[in-house]
Amino acid sequence: MTELRKGNIFADIPGKLQEEVLETLLEGQGELRMERILSSGHVSPEGFWYDQQKDEYVILLSGRASLSFREEGEIHLTSGDWLLIPAHKEHRITYTSTDPLCVWLALHFDLKAGE
């Protein structure tokens, strides 16, 4: 049985980030995973494209960010914007704000498993 847990998505954010921070908040069956991601000026390395095995629902809770998709071009996000990125949709992070820093909530799952 799962226990009741409580937290605050904005708690324990370091003042200055040397590297992007990924924290797993929960994991479930079928490789379901929820992460908090903190980024501040962090972008994907030149020439690198994410090609993820799972679908990803991401919401930008604070800050501003830009993602570039190989086929669709660039998408700009501000606080409250969300995006559903299908598995194997090649993308990269091209911009993340530093003030305010970016706080993301990302959910990785297999959308087809629920169909």
Protein backbone atom coordinates (compact mmCIF):
# COMPACT_ATOMS: atom_id res chain seq x y z
CA MET A 1 0.00 0.00 0.00
CA THR A 2 1.24 3.47 -0.85
CA GLU A 3 1.74 5.83 2.05
CA LEU A 4 0.46 9.40 2.19
CA ARG A 5 3.22 11.86 1.36
CA LYS A 6 3.35 15.65 1.20
CA GLY A 7 5.87 18.12 -0.11
CA ASN A 8 6.39 21.44 -1.84
CA ILE A 9 7.71 21.55 -5.41
CA PHE A 10 9.49 24.86 -4.67
CA ALA A 11 11.21 23.67 -1.47
CA ASP A 12 14.97 23.18 -1.13
CA ILE A 13 15.94 24.95 -4.36
CA PRO A 14 19.64 25.83 -4.27
CA GLY A 15 20.57 29.49 -4.76
CA LYS A 16 22.97 28.84 -7.62
CA LEU A 17 23.02 25.79 -9.88
CA GLN A 18 26.30 24.61 -11.36
CA GLU A 19 24.49 21.83 -13.23
CA GLU A 20 20.89 21.01 -14.05
CA VAL A 21 19.24 19.10 -11.19
CA LEU A 22 16.95 16.10 -11.83
CA GLU A 23 15.13 14.65 -8.83
CA THR A 24 12.83 11.63 -9.04
CA LEU A 25 9.70 12.37 -7.01
CA LEU A 26 7.95 9.06 -7.63
CA GLU A 27 8.14 5.90 -9.70
CA GLY A 28 5.39 3.49 -10.60
CA GLN A 29 4.55 0.46 -12.72
CA GLY A 30 5.37 0.43 -16.42
CA GLU A 31 8.34 2.72 -15.90
CA LEU A 32 6.14 5.62 -14.80
CA ARG A 33 8.42 8.31 -13.36
CA MET A 34 7.81 11.86 -12.13
CA GLU A 35 10.74 14.26 -11.85
CA ARG A 36 11.40 17.77 -10.65
CA ILE A 37 13.95 19.43 -12.91
CA LEU A 38 15.78 22.63 -11.98
CA SER A 39 17.64 24.51 -14.70
CA SER A 40 19.21 27.94 -14.82
CA GLY A 41 20.82 28.83 -18.14
CA HIS A 42 21.35 25.13 -18.90
CA VAL A 43 20.89 23.98 -22.50
CA SER A 44 21.50 20.78 -24.46
CA PRO A 45 25.06 20.31 -25.73
CA GLU A 46 25.62 21.47 -29.30
CA GLY A 47 24.46 18.78 -31.75
CA PHE A 48 22.76 16.68 -29.02
CA TRP A 49 19.13 15.61 -29.51
CA TYR A 50 16.99 13.80 -26.92
CA ASP A 51 15.38 10.66 -28.37
CA GLN A 52 13.49 9.28 -25.38
CA GLN A 53 11.98 5.81 -25.13
CA LYS A 54 8.91 7.06 -23.23
CA ASP A 55 6.35 9.80 -23.75
CA GLU A 56 6.96 12.87 -21.60
CA TYR A 57 4.45 15.36 -20.21
CA VAL A 58 6.30 18.43 -18.98
CA ILE A 59 5.00 21.59 -17.34
CA LEU A 60 7.15 24.64 -16.71
CA LEU A 61 6.17 25.86 -13.25
CA SER A 62 8.48 28.88 -13.19
CA GLY A 63 10.82 30.62 -15.60
CA ARG A 64 11.06 30.71 -19.38
CA ALA A 65 12.45 28.07 -21.73
CA SER A 66 12.78 27.18 -25.39
CA LEU A 67 12.89 23.73 -26.94
CA SER A 68 13.82 22.95 -30.51
CA PHE A 69 12.21 20.01 -32.27
CA ARG A 70 13.92 18.48 -35.28
CA GLU A 71 10.69 18.51 -37.33
CA GLU A 72 8.55 21.28 -35.78
CA GLY A 73 11.15 23.95 -35.02
CA GLU A 74 11.32 25.97 -31.81
CA ILE A 75 8.68 26.21 -29.10
CA HIS A 76 8.83 28.86 -26.34
CA LEU A 77 7.39 28.17 -22.89
CA THR A 78 6.57 30.45 -19.96
CA SER A 79 5.35 29.65 -16.45
CA GLY A 80 2.31 27.38 -16.60
CA ASP A 81 2.87 26.12 -20.14
CA TRP A 82 2.86 22.36 -20.66
CA LEU A 83 3.91 20.10 -23.49
CA LEU A 84 3.30 16.45 -24.36
CA ILE A 85 6.38 15.11 -26.12
CA PRO A 86 5.77 11.74 -27.81
CA ALA A 87 8.39 9.01 -27.48
CA HIS A 88 11.19 9.34 -30.05
CA LYS A 89 10.29 12.98 -30.90
CA GLU A 90 13.79 14.39 -31.23
CA HIS A 91 14.25 17.62 -29.32
CA ARG A 92 16.78 19.73 -27.49
CA ILE A 93 16.72 22.51 -24.89
CA THR A 94 17.95 25.77 -26.42
CA TYR A 95 17.23 28.25 -23.59
CA THR A 96 16.38 28.28 -19.88
CA SER A 97 16.06 31.49 -17.87
CA THR A 98 18.27 32.25 -14.89
CA ASP A 99 16.00 34.77 -13.14
CA PRO A 100 13.70 33.20 -12.36
CA LEU A 101 15.28 29.80 -12.70
CA CYS A 102 13.24 27.07 -14.37
CA VAL A 103 11.30 24.61 -12.25
CA TRP A 104 9.87 21.80 -14.37
CA LEU A 105 7.61 18.89 -13.49
CA ALA A 106 8.13 16.01 -15.91
CA LEU A 107 6.12 12.81 -16.13
CA HIS A 108 7.63 9.95 -18.16
CA PHE A 109 5.26 7.13 -19.16
CA ASP A 110 4.04 4.97 -22.01
CA LEU A 111 0.88 6.61 -23.37
CA LYS A 112 0.11 3.61 -25.59
CA ALA A 113 -0.13 1.31 -22.54
CA GLY A 114 -3.27 3.18 -21.45
CA GLU A 115 -5.06 2.92 -24.79
